């Protein structure tokens, strides 16, 4: 009497799941990087617009 061990899942299911997880991690990191870039650019734009603009003596209008 031979005992058969039943695989819980097939190899192709393991490959499919691990590929899905890897792609999920990849796209999550891409999305987070894009959001970081957008937030960083917005922060830099608002920060630099709040700073006083300094003009050189040659650029100041004569009054």
N, C-alpha and C. Protein backbone atom coordinates (compact mmCIF):
# COMPACT_ATOMS: atom_id res chain seq x y z
N UNK A 1 0.84 -1.17 0.00
CA UNK A 1 0.00 0.00 0.00
C UNK A 1 0.89 1.24 0.00
N UNK A 2 0.86 1.98 -1.07
CA UNK A 2 1.68 3.19 -1.21
C UNK A 2 0.92 4.39 -0.67
N UNK A 3 1.64 5.20 0.07
CA UNK A 3 1.02 6.41 0.62
C UNK A 3 1.35 7.58 -0.30
N UNK A 4 0.32 8.23 -0.75
CA UNK A 4 0.50 9.39 -1.62
C UNK A 4 0.40 10.65 -0.78
N UNK A 5 1.36 11.53 -0.96
CA UNK A 5 1.25 12.83 -0.29
C UNK A 5 0.62 13.80 -1.28
N UNK A 6 -0.35 14.48 -0.81
CA UNK A 6 -1.07 15.41 -1.66
C UNK A 6 -0.47 16.80 -1.46
N UNK A 7 -0.09 17.41 -2.57
CA UNK A 7 0.40 18.78 -2.49
C UNK A 7 -0.78 19.69 -2.19
N UNK A 8 -0.54 20.59 -1.27
CA UNK A 8 -1.64 21.51 -0.95
C UNK A 8 -1.91 22.46 -2.10
N UNK A 9 -0.85 22.89 -2.76
CA UNK A 9 -1.02 23.79 -3.90
C UNK A 9 -0.04 23.38 -4.98
N UNK A 10 -0.40 23.65 -6.20
CA UNK A 10 0.49 23.30 -7.30
C UNK A 10 1.62 24.32 -7.40
N UNK A 11 2.67 23.92 -8.08
CA UNK A 11 3.83 24.79 -8.26
C UNK A 11 3.44 26.06 -9.02
N UNK A 12 2.58 25.93 -10.01
CA UNK A 12 2.16 27.10 -10.79
C UNK A 12 1.41 28.11 -9.92
N UNK A 13 0.65 27.62 -8.94
CA UNK A 13 -0.04 28.53 -8.02
C UNK A 13 0.97 29.27 -7.15
N UNK A 14 2.03 28.60 -6.71
CA UNK A 14 3.07 29.26 -5.94
C UNK A 14 3.76 30.35 -6.76
N UNK A 15 4.06 30.01 -8.03
CA UNK A 15 4.72 30.99 -8.91
C UNK A 15 3.81 32.18 -9.14
N UNK A 16 2.54 31.91 -9.39
CA UNK A 16 1.57 32.99 -9.63
C UNK A 16 1.47 33.91 -8.41
N UNK A 17 1.36 33.31 -7.24
CA UNK A 17 1.24 34.11 -6.02
C UNK A 17 2.50 34.91 -5.72
N UNK A 18 3.67 34.30 -5.87
CA UNK A 18 4.90 35.02 -5.58
C UNK A 18 5.13 36.13 -6.59
N UNK A 19 4.76 35.90 -7.86
CA UNK A 19 4.88 36.94 -8.88
C UNK A 19 3.94 38.09 -8.56
N UNK A 20 2.72 37.76 -8.16
CA UNK A 20 1.75 38.80 -7.80
C UNK A 20 2.26 39.63 -6.62
N UNK A 21 2.82 38.97 -5.61
CA UNK A 21 3.35 39.69 -4.45
C UNK A 21 4.52 40.58 -4.84
N UNK A 22 5.41 40.07 -5.70
CA UNK A 22 6.57 40.86 -6.13
C UNK A 22 6.13 42.09 -6.92
N UNK A 23 5.16 41.92 -7.81
CA UNK A 23 4.65 43.06 -8.57
C UNK A 23 3.95 44.06 -7.67
N UNK A 24 3.23 43.56 -6.68
CA UNK A 24 2.55 44.44 -5.73
C UNK A 24 3.56 45.29 -4.97
N UNK A 25 4.63 44.67 -4.51
CA UNK A 25 5.69 45.41 -3.80
C UNK A 25 6.34 46.43 -4.73
N UNK A 26 6.61 46.03 -5.97
CA UNK A 26 7.23 46.93 -6.93
C UNK A 26 6.35 48.15 -7.19
N UNK A 27 5.07 47.94 -7.52
CA UNK A 27 4.19 49.07 -7.85
C UNK A 27 3.90 49.93 -6.62
N UNK A 28 3.88 49.33 -5.44
CA UNK A 28 3.70 50.13 -4.22
C UNK A 28 4.89 51.08 -4.04
N UNK A 29 6.10 50.58 -4.28
CA UNK A 29 7.27 51.43 -4.13
C UNK A 29 7.30 52.53 -5.19
N UNK A 30 6.85 52.20 -6.42
CA UNK A 30 6.78 53.22 -7.47
C UNK A 30 5.78 54.30 -7.08
N UNK A 31 4.61 53.88 -6.59
CA UNK A 31 3.58 54.84 -6.19
C UNK A 31 4.06 55.73 -5.04
N UNK A 32 4.72 55.12 -4.04
CA UNK A 32 5.22 55.91 -2.91
C UNK A 32 6.29 56.89 -3.36
N UNK A 33 7.14 56.49 -4.28
CA UNK A 33 8.19 57.38 -4.79
C UNK A 33 7.58 58.56 -5.54
N UNK A 34 6.57 58.27 -6.36
CA UNK A 34 5.90 59.36 -7.09
C UNK A 34 5.23 60.33 -6.14
N UNK A 35 4.55 59.80 -5.12
CA UNK A 35 3.90 60.67 -4.14
C UNK A 35 4.93 61.50 -3.38
N UNK A 36 6.07 60.89 -3.04
CA UNK A 36 7.12 61.62 -2.34
C UNK A 36 7.63 62.75 -3.23
N UNK A 37 7.84 62.48 -4.53
CA UNK A 37 8.32 63.50 -5.45
C UNK A 37 7.33 64.65 -5.56
N UNK A 38 6.04 64.33 -5.68
CA UNK A 38 5.01 65.38 -5.79
C UNK A 38 4.99 66.22 -4.52
N UNK A 39 4.97 65.57 -3.36
CA UNK A 39 4.94 66.30 -2.10
C UNK A 39 6.19 67.15 -1.91
N UNK A 40 7.33 66.60 -2.30
CA UNK A 40 8.60 67.34 -2.17
C UNK A 40 8.59 68.57 -3.07
N UNK A 41 8.11 68.40 -4.30
CA UNK A 41 8.06 69.56 -5.22
C UNK A 41 7.09 70.61 -4.72
N UNK A 42 5.93 70.19 -4.23
CA UNK A 42 4.97 71.16 -3.69
C UNK A 42 5.54 71.88 -2.48
N UNK A 43 6.21 71.13 -1.62
CA UNK A 43 6.81 71.73 -0.44
C UNK A 43 7.88 72.74 -0.84
N UNK A 44 8.71 72.38 -1.81
CA UNK A 44 9.77 73.29 -2.25
C UNK A 44 9.18 74.53 -2.91
N UNK A 45 8.09 74.35 -3.66
CA UNK A 45 7.47 75.49 -4.33
C UNK A 45 6.88 76.46 -3.31
N UNK A 46 6.18 75.93 -2.30
CA UNK A 46 5.56 76.81 -1.31
C UNK A 46 6.62 77.42 -0.40
N UNK A 47 7.68 76.67 -0.10
CA UNK A 47 8.74 77.19 0.76
C UNK A 47 9.49 78.31 0.06
N UNK A 48 9.82 78.12 -1.20
CA UNK A 48 10.58 79.15 -1.91
C UNK A 48 9.71 80.36 -2.22
N UNK A 49 8.41 80.18 -2.37
CA UNK A 49 7.55 81.33 -2.64
C UNK A 49 7.35 82.17 -1.38
N UNK A 50 7.54 81.58 -0.22
CA UNK A 50 7.39 82.33 1.03
C UNK A 50 8.65 83.12 1.38
N UNK A 51 9.77 82.71 0.82
CA UNK A 51 11.01 83.41 1.11
C UNK A 51 11.04 84.73 0.38
N UNK A 52 11.63 85.76 0.98
CA UNK A 52 11.74 87.03 0.27
C UNK A 52 12.69 86.89 -0.90
N UNK A 53 12.36 87.54 -1.98
CA UNK A 53 13.24 87.47 -3.15
C UNK A 53 14.26 88.60 -3.02
N UNK A 54 15.49 88.24 -3.12
CA UNK A 54 16.57 89.22 -3.01
C UNK A 54 17.04 89.57 -4.41
N UNK A 55 17.08 90.85 -4.69
CA UNK A 55 17.54 91.31 -5.99
C UNK A 55 18.93 91.91 -5.81
N UNK A 56 19.75 91.74 -6.82
CA UNK A 56 21.06 92.36 -6.76
C UNK A 56 20.89 93.87 -6.95
N UNK A 57 21.90 94.62 -6.64
CA UNK A 57 21.83 96.09 -6.76
C UNK A 57 21.57 96.51 -8.19
N UNK A 58 22.06 95.76 -9.16
CA UNK A 58 21.87 96.11 -10.56
C UNK A 58 20.43 95.88 -11.00
N UNK A 59 19.71 94.99 -10.36
CA UNK A 59 18.34 94.68 -10.75
C UNK A 59 17.32 95.56 -10.06
N UNK A 60 17.67 96.27 -9.00
CA UNK A 60 16.71 97.10 -8.29
C UNK A 60 16.35 98.32 -9.11
N UNK A 61 15.07 98.66 -9.17
CA UNK A 61 14.66 99.86 -9.92
C UNK A 61 15.09 101.11 -9.19
N UNK A 62 15.44 102.15 -9.95
CA UNK A 62 15.81 103.44 -9.36
C UNK A 62 14.55 104.26 -9.11
N UNK A 63 14.42 104.76 -7.89
CA UNK A 63 13.25 105.61 -7.54
C UNK A 63 13.72 106.96 -7.12
